[in-house]
Protein backbone atom coordinates (compact mmCIF):
# COMPACT_ATOMS: atom_id res chain seq x y z
CA MET A 1 12.03 -15.24 18.82
CA GLN A 2 8.27 -15.17 18.40
CA GLU A 3 6.54 -17.89 16.40
CA ALA A 4 2.84 -18.11 15.54
CA THR A 5 0.55 -19.93 13.13
CA VAL A 6 -2.71 -18.77 11.56
CA ASN A 7 -5.13 -20.56 9.22
CA LEU A 8 -6.73 -18.57 6.42
CA PRO A 9 -9.59 -19.89 4.25
CA ALA A 10 -9.42 -19.66 0.46
CA LYS A 11 -12.22 -19.55 -2.07
CA PRO A 12 -12.09 -22.92 -3.85
CA PRO A 13 -10.64 -24.10 -6.09
CA PHE A 14 -7.18 -23.20 -4.85
CA ARG A 15 -3.69 -24.60 -5.40
CA LEU A 16 -0.83 -23.01 -3.53
CA ASP A 17 1.87 -24.56 -5.73
CA LEU A 18 0.53 -23.05 -8.95
CA THR A 19 -0.12 -19.68 -7.32
CA ALA A 20 3.35 -19.60 -5.77
CA TRP A 21 4.91 -20.18 -9.19
CA VAL A 22 3.07 -17.19 -10.63
CA LEU A 23 4.86 -15.14 -7.98
CA ARG A 24 8.14 -17.01 -8.32
CA ARG A 25 8.41 -17.26 -12.14
CA ARG A 26 11.91 -18.71 -12.08
CA ALA A 27 13.62 -21.36 -9.93
CA LYS A 28 16.46 -18.94 -9.14
CA ASN A 29 14.14 -16.41 -7.48
CA ASN A 30 15.58 -15.98 -3.96
CA ILE A 31 12.88 -13.57 -2.80
CA ASP A 32 9.84 -15.76 -3.43
CA ASN A 33 11.02 -19.17 -2.25
CA TRP A 34 9.21 -22.46 -2.91
CA ASP A 35 10.44 -25.91 -1.87
CA GLY A 36 7.54 -27.95 -3.20
CA GLN A 37 5.53 -27.70 0.00
CA ALA A 38 5.97 -24.24 1.46
CA TYR A 39 6.27 -20.71 0.11
CA ARG A 40 8.67 -18.59 2.14
CA ARG A 41 9.49 -14.91 2.06
CA VAL A 42 10.73 -12.18 4.38
CA VAL A 43 8.37 -9.22 4.78
CA ILE A 44 8.92 -6.04 6.75
CA LEU A 45 6.46 -4.98 9.44
CA LYS A 46 8.67 -2.62 11.46
CA GLN A 47 11.02 -5.62 11.62
CA PRO A 48 11.87 -8.54 9.33
CA VAL A 49 9.30 -11.32 9.56
CA LEU A 50 9.85 -14.72 7.98
CA VAL A 51 6.59 -16.03 6.54
CA ALA A 52 6.06 -19.68 5.59
CA VAL A 53 2.83 -20.52 3.77
CA THR A 54 1.51 -24.06 3.28
CA GLN A 55 -1.80 -25.38 2.01
CA ASN A 56 -4.43 -27.04 4.18
CA SER A 57 -7.82 -28.51 3.28
CA ALA A 58 -9.57 -25.13 3.62
CA GLY A 59 -6.89 -22.72 2.40
CA LEU A 60 -3.60 -21.53 3.85
CA THR A 61 -1.61 -22.08 6.99
CA ILE A 62 0.61 -19.08 7.66
CA ALA A 63 3.53 -19.58 10.05
CA PHE A 64 5.63 -16.57 10.91
CA GLN A 65 8.74 -15.88 12.92
CA SER A 66 10.06 -12.56 14.18
CA ALA A 67 12.92 -11.61 16.48
CA GLN A 68 10.66 -9.38 18.57
CA LYS A 69 7.03 -9.68 19.52
CA LEU A 70 4.62 -8.96 16.67
CA PHE A 71 1.62 -7.17 18.14
CA ALA A 72 -1.96 -7.81 17.06
CA PRO A 73 -2.26 -4.91 14.55
CA ASP A 74 0.86 -6.06 12.72
CA GLN A 75 -0.30 -9.67 12.78
CA THR A 76 -3.54 -8.51 11.16
CA LYS A 77 -1.58 -6.59 8.51
CA LEU A 78 0.52 -9.68 7.84
CA ILE A 79 -2.52 -11.91 7.37
CA GLU A 80 -4.16 -9.37 5.05
CA LEU A 81 -0.93 -9.04 3.06
CA VAL A 82 -0.58 -12.78 2.51
CA GLY A 83 -4.25 -13.02 1.55
CA LYS A 84 -3.79 -10.26 -1.03
CA MET A 85 -0.59 -11.75 -2.44
CA PHE A 86 -2.27 -15.10 -3.06
CA GLY A 87 -5.69 -13.77 -4.10
CA ILE A 88 -7.41 -16.26 -1.82
CA SER A 89 -10.63 -14.26 -1.39
CA ILE A 90 -11.21 -13.92 -5.15
CA ASP A 91 -14.06 -16.05 -6.47
CA LEU A 92 -13.24 -17.27 -9.98
CA LYS A 93 -16.53 -19.03 -10.72
CA GLN A 94 -17.33 -16.56 -13.51
CA PHE A 95 -13.86 -17.04 -15.00
CA TYR A 96 -14.40 -20.79 -15.32
CA GLU A 97 -17.82 -20.17 -16.84
CA LEU A 98 -16.29 -17.75 -19.36
CA VAL A 99 -13.55 -20.08 -20.58
CA ALA A 100 -15.76 -23.19 -20.66
CA HIS A 101 -17.03 -22.21 -24.12
CA GLU A 102 -13.58 -21.66 -25.67
CA PRO A 103 -11.70 -24.92 -26.30
CA GLU A 104 -8.15 -23.53 -26.07
CA LEU A 105 -8.89 -21.62 -22.88
CA SER A 106 -10.91 -24.37 -21.23
CA LEU A 107 -8.02 -26.81 -21.61
CA LEU A 108 -5.63 -24.25 -20.17
CA ALA A 109 -7.95 -23.47 -17.26
CA GLU A 110 -8.47 -27.15 -16.48
CA GLN A 111 -4.74 -27.89 -16.54
CA PHE A 112 -4.01 -25.12 -14.02
CA LYS A 113 -7.27 -25.14 -12.11
CA GLY A 114 -6.83 -23.61 -8.69
CA VAL A 115 -4.30 -20.91 -9.56
CA LYS A 116 -5.26 -17.56 -8.05
CA PRO A 117 -4.29 -14.10 -9.29
CA THR A 118 -1.26 -12.90 -7.36
CA ARG A 119 -0.07 -9.45 -6.40
CA TYR A 120 3.26 -8.13 -5.24
CA PRO A 121 3.27 -7.10 -1.58
CA THR A 122 3.79 -3.43 -2.50
CA LEU A 123 3.43 -1.22 -5.55
CA PHE A 124 7.06 -0.21 -5.10
CA GLU A 125 8.11 -3.84 -5.56
CA ALA A 126 5.85 -4.15 -8.61
CA LEU A 127 7.44 -1.07 -10.20
CA VAL A 128 11.00 -2.18 -9.48
CA ASN A 129 10.22 -5.61 -10.94
CA ALA A 130 8.94 -3.90 -14.07
CA ILE A 131 12.04 -1.71 -14.33
CA ALA A 132 14.42 -4.63 -13.74
CA CYS A 133 12.77 -6.81 -16.40
CA GLN A 134 12.52 -4.18 -19.15
CA GLN A 135 14.23 -5.25 -22.39
CA VAL A 136 16.06 -8.18 -20.78
CA SER A 137 15.16 -11.83 -20.30
CA LEU A 138 13.17 -12.78 -17.22
CA ASP A 139 16.16 -14.82 -16.02
CA VAL A 140 18.35 -11.71 -16.06
CA GLY A 141 15.65 -9.60 -14.41
CA ILE A 142 15.26 -12.11 -11.56
CA LEU A 143 19.04 -12.19 -11.08
CA LEU A 144 19.14 -8.39 -10.76
CA LEU A 145 16.27 -8.42 -8.26
CA ASN A 146 18.03 -11.08 -6.18
CA ARG A 147 21.12 -8.89 -6.03
CA LEU A 148 19.05 -5.86 -5.06
CA ALA A 149 17.48 -7.79 -2.17
CA GLN A 150 20.76 -9.28 -0.98
CA ASN A 151 22.53 -5.92 -0.99
CA PHE A 152 19.79 -3.64 0.33
CA GLY A 153 17.03 -5.78 1.83
CA ALA A 154 16.73 -6.79 5.49
CA GLU A 155 18.24 -10.16 6.37
CA PHE A 156 16.42 -12.77 8.42
CA LYS A 157 18.68 -15.52 9.75
CA ASP A 158 17.04 -18.91 9.28
CA GLY A 159 19.51 -21.32 10.80
CA GLN A 160 22.81 -21.05 9.00
CA THR A 161 21.39 -19.27 5.97
CA GLY A 162 20.05 -15.75 5.53
CA ILE A 163 16.90 -14.84 3.62
CA TYR A 164 16.55 -11.27 2.39
CA SER A 165 13.47 -9.12 2.08
CA PHE A 166 12.77 -7.03 -0.97
CA PRO A 167 14.11 -3.57 -0.09
CA ALA A 168 11.69 -0.84 0.90
CA PRO A 169 12.08 2.65 -0.58
CA GLU A 170 13.73 3.79 2.65
CA ASP A 171 16.40 1.11 2.28
CA LEU A 172 17.69 2.75 -0.90
CA LEU A 173 17.96 6.33 0.31
CA ASN A 174 21.40 5.91 1.84
CA THR A 175 22.77 4.33 -1.30
CA SER A 176 23.44 5.84 -4.73
CA GLU A 177 22.69 5.25 -8.38
CA ASP A 178 26.23 3.95 -8.81
CA SER A 179 25.83 1.32 -6.10
CA ILE A 180 22.65 0.08 -7.78
CA LYS A 181 24.34 0.15 -11.19
CA ARG A 182 27.19 -1.99 -9.86
CA LEU A 183 24.70 -4.80 -9.33
CA GLY A 184 24.29 -5.05 -13.11
CA PHE A 185 21.54 -2.52 -13.76
CA SER A 186 21.94 -0.06 -16.59
CA ARG A 187 22.54 3.57 -15.69
CA GLN A 188 18.97 4.43 -16.72
CA LYS A 189 17.45 1.65 -14.62
CA ALA A 190 19.58 2.46 -11.59
CA ARG A 191 18.51 6.11 -11.82
CA ALA A 192 14.85 5.12 -12.23
CA ILE A 193 14.91 2.83 -9.17
CA TRP A 194 16.68 5.35 -6.95
CA SER A 195 14.46 8.22 -8.12
CA LEU A 196 11.36 6.11 -7.47
CA ALA A 197 12.47 5.32 -3.92
CA TYR A 198 13.35 8.96 -3.24
CA GLY A 199 10.07 10.22 -4.68
CA ILE A 200 8.00 7.84 -2.55
CA VAL A 201 9.81 8.72 0.67
CA ASN A 202 9.67 12.50 0.16
CA GLY A 203 6.03 12.39 -0.96
CA ASP A 204 6.47 13.42 -4.59
CA ILE A 205 5.16 10.02 -5.75
CA ASP A 206 1.88 8.83 -4.26
CA LEU A 207 1.26 5.24 -5.26
CA GLU A 208 -1.53 4.56 -2.78
CA GLN A 209 -3.93 6.80 -4.71
CA LEU A 210 -3.78 4.34 -7.60
CA GLU A 211 -5.91 1.85 -5.68
CA THR A 212 -8.96 4.08 -6.16
CA VAL A 213 -8.62 5.36 -9.75
CA GLY A 214 -9.50 3.78 -13.08
CA ASN A 215 -7.08 1.99 -15.39
CA GLU A 216 -6.48 4.88 -17.78
CA GLU A 217 -5.82 7.36 -14.99
CA ALA A 218 -3.52 4.89 -13.24
CA ILE A 219 -1.57 4.24 -16.45
CA ALA A 220 -1.18 7.97 -17.10
CA TYR A 221 0.14 8.54 -13.57
CA LEU A 222 2.53 5.59 -13.73
CA GLN A 223 3.92 6.76 -17.07
CA SER A 224 4.76 10.11 -15.49
CA ILE A 225 7.30 8.27 -13.30
CA ARG A 226 10.87 8.06 -14.59
CA GLY A 227 11.57 4.80 -16.39
CA ILE A 228 7.94 3.66 -16.65
CA GLY A 229 6.49 3.15 -20.12
CA ARG A 230 3.32 1.53 -21.38
CA TRP A 231 4.40 -2.07 -20.75
CA SER A 232 5.61 -1.31 -17.23
CA ALA A 233 2.44 0.60 -16.36
CA GLU A 234 0.16 -2.23 -17.55
CA TYR A 235 2.39 -4.77 -15.78
CA VAL A 236 1.94 -2.85 -12.52
CA LEU A 237 -1.82 -2.62 -13.02
CA LEU A 238 -2.00 -6.40 -13.22
CA ARG A 239 0.68 -7.53 -10.80
CA GLY A 240 0.60 -4.61 -8.37
CA LEU A 241 -3.02 -3.41 -8.39
CA GLY A 242 -4.70 -6.71 -9.23
CA ARG A 243 -6.55 -5.38 -12.29
CA LEU A 244 -7.44 -8.73 -13.85
CA ASP A 245 -8.88 -7.12 -16.99
CA VAL A 246 -5.38 -6.00 -18.03
CA PHE A 247 -3.15 -8.12 -20.28
CA PRO A 248 0.17 -6.26 -20.73
CA GLY A 249 -0.06 -5.81 -24.49
CA ASP A 250 3.62 -5.06 -25.13
CA ASP A 251 4.78 -8.17 -23.25
CA ILE A 252 6.81 -10.17 -25.80
CA GLY A 253 6.48 -13.37 -23.82
CA GLY A 254 2.74 -12.82 -23.56
CA GLN A 255 2.50 -12.17 -27.29
CA ASN A 256 4.40 -15.38 -28.05
CA ASN A 257 2.20 -17.33 -25.66
CA VAL A 258 -1.00 -16.04 -27.27
CA GLN A 259 0.35 -16.83 -30.73
CA LYS A 260 0.94 -20.41 -29.64
CA LEU A 261 -2.37 -20.70 -27.77
CA LEU A 262 -4.46 -19.53 -30.72
CA ASN A 263 -2.20 -21.01 -33.41
CA LEU A 264 -1.71 -17.64 -35.09
CA GLY A 265 0.50 -17.21 -38.13
CA ASN A 266 2.32 -14.23 -36.63
CA ARG A 267 2.99 -12.90 -33.17
CA PRO A 268 0.23 -10.40 -32.36
CA GLY A 269 1.25 -6.81 -31.79
CA TYR A 270 -0.14 -4.49 -29.14
CA THR A 271 -3.34 -3.54 -30.99
CA GLU A 272 -4.14 -7.06 -32.17
CA LEU A 273 -3.48 -8.50 -28.72
CA ASN A 274 -5.79 -5.93 -27.14
CA THR A 275 -8.51 -6.93 -29.60
CA LEU A 276 -8.02 -10.63 -28.87
CA SER A 277 -7.87 -10.21 -25.11
CA ALA A 278 -10.98 -8.00 -25.08
CA THR A 279 -13.03 -11.18 -25.58
CA TRP A 280 -11.58 -12.45 -22.28
CA TYR A 281 -12.85 -9.47 -20.28
CA PRO A 282 -12.67 -9.12 -17.31
CA TYR A 283 -10.13 -11.94 -16.94
CA ALA A 284 -7.49 -11.19 -19.58
CA GLY A 285 -4.85 -10.82 -16.87
CA LEU A 286 -5.74 -14.19 -15.41
CA ILE A 287 -5.23 -15.71 -18.87
CA TYR A 288 -1.80 -14.04 -18.85
CA PHE A 289 -1.01 -15.90 -15.60
CA HIS A 290 -2.25 -19.20 -17.04
CA LEU A 291 -0.04 -18.73 -20.09
CA LEU A 292 2.93 -18.06 -17.80
CA LEU A 293 2.25 -21.34 -16.00
CA ASP A 294 1.98 -23.15 -19.32
CA LYS A 295 5.43 -21.86 -20.26
CA LEU A 296 6.82 -22.90 -16.88
CA HIS A 297 5.23 -26.31 -17.39
CA GLU A 298 7.16 -26.65 -20.65
CA LYS A 299 10.34 -26.00 -18.67
CA GLU A 300 9.25 -28.76 -16.23
CA LEU A 301 9.18 -26.31 -13.34
CA VAL A 302 5.43 -26.71 -12.68
């Protein structure tokens, strides 16, 4: 067993607890674990690696364990991955300047000051999250994702308990749509997840190119993938590609949260929400994360 610890600076202000909850979203999330002090997750770098992230005075302390030696290039990849997931290099000075002049937003930003914009470790995970959470409650979506990890992800034994990674596309190739469906996914969602994994592995789907194209082109490409509509594509732009100017306009929870924030008479639809969030450019997606935290705060989770 190899164990190592690395410190990583973060652009202030930064709060690990708030940022971890943006990733976690629900207390029953068994992939993104948080115990009040440390965020823990299993990632795959040729082997399962258990990552534990805590906060120090300058940023993050990353402790990792692996069964076999993790060589320097993979250690570098791991550090870069954690930094990307927690958005620690992103300077939000302009965001705080933007919201300072809007009473509702300034209160929200002050309450959750230090949250950073998060990203899923891979675009595949972002897409599968979107598929799992379509047209169901977030609680149900998280439950389905837990089952997917436990059945097809790599297990890392931590004492008496096992922690499972989110499955990679390759992990799903030797399974079937029916085995995914048996976890509780609809037939359409099971087919979309399996087809996505197969397309990535055989090269028909190239997600890496999306890092270098504009929002509209990325949305058009994502919508060409089975099971991905407008909401899912915008969700992936924000949570997978880190496009902070994107507020997923069809997100019902987001619409409800904006209605409450701005004390609107009715829940805003897609067009109205786009008009409202345009005034938050280029940080509409960060407002989306703040509204998520506000909802979690109501549930006494944050």
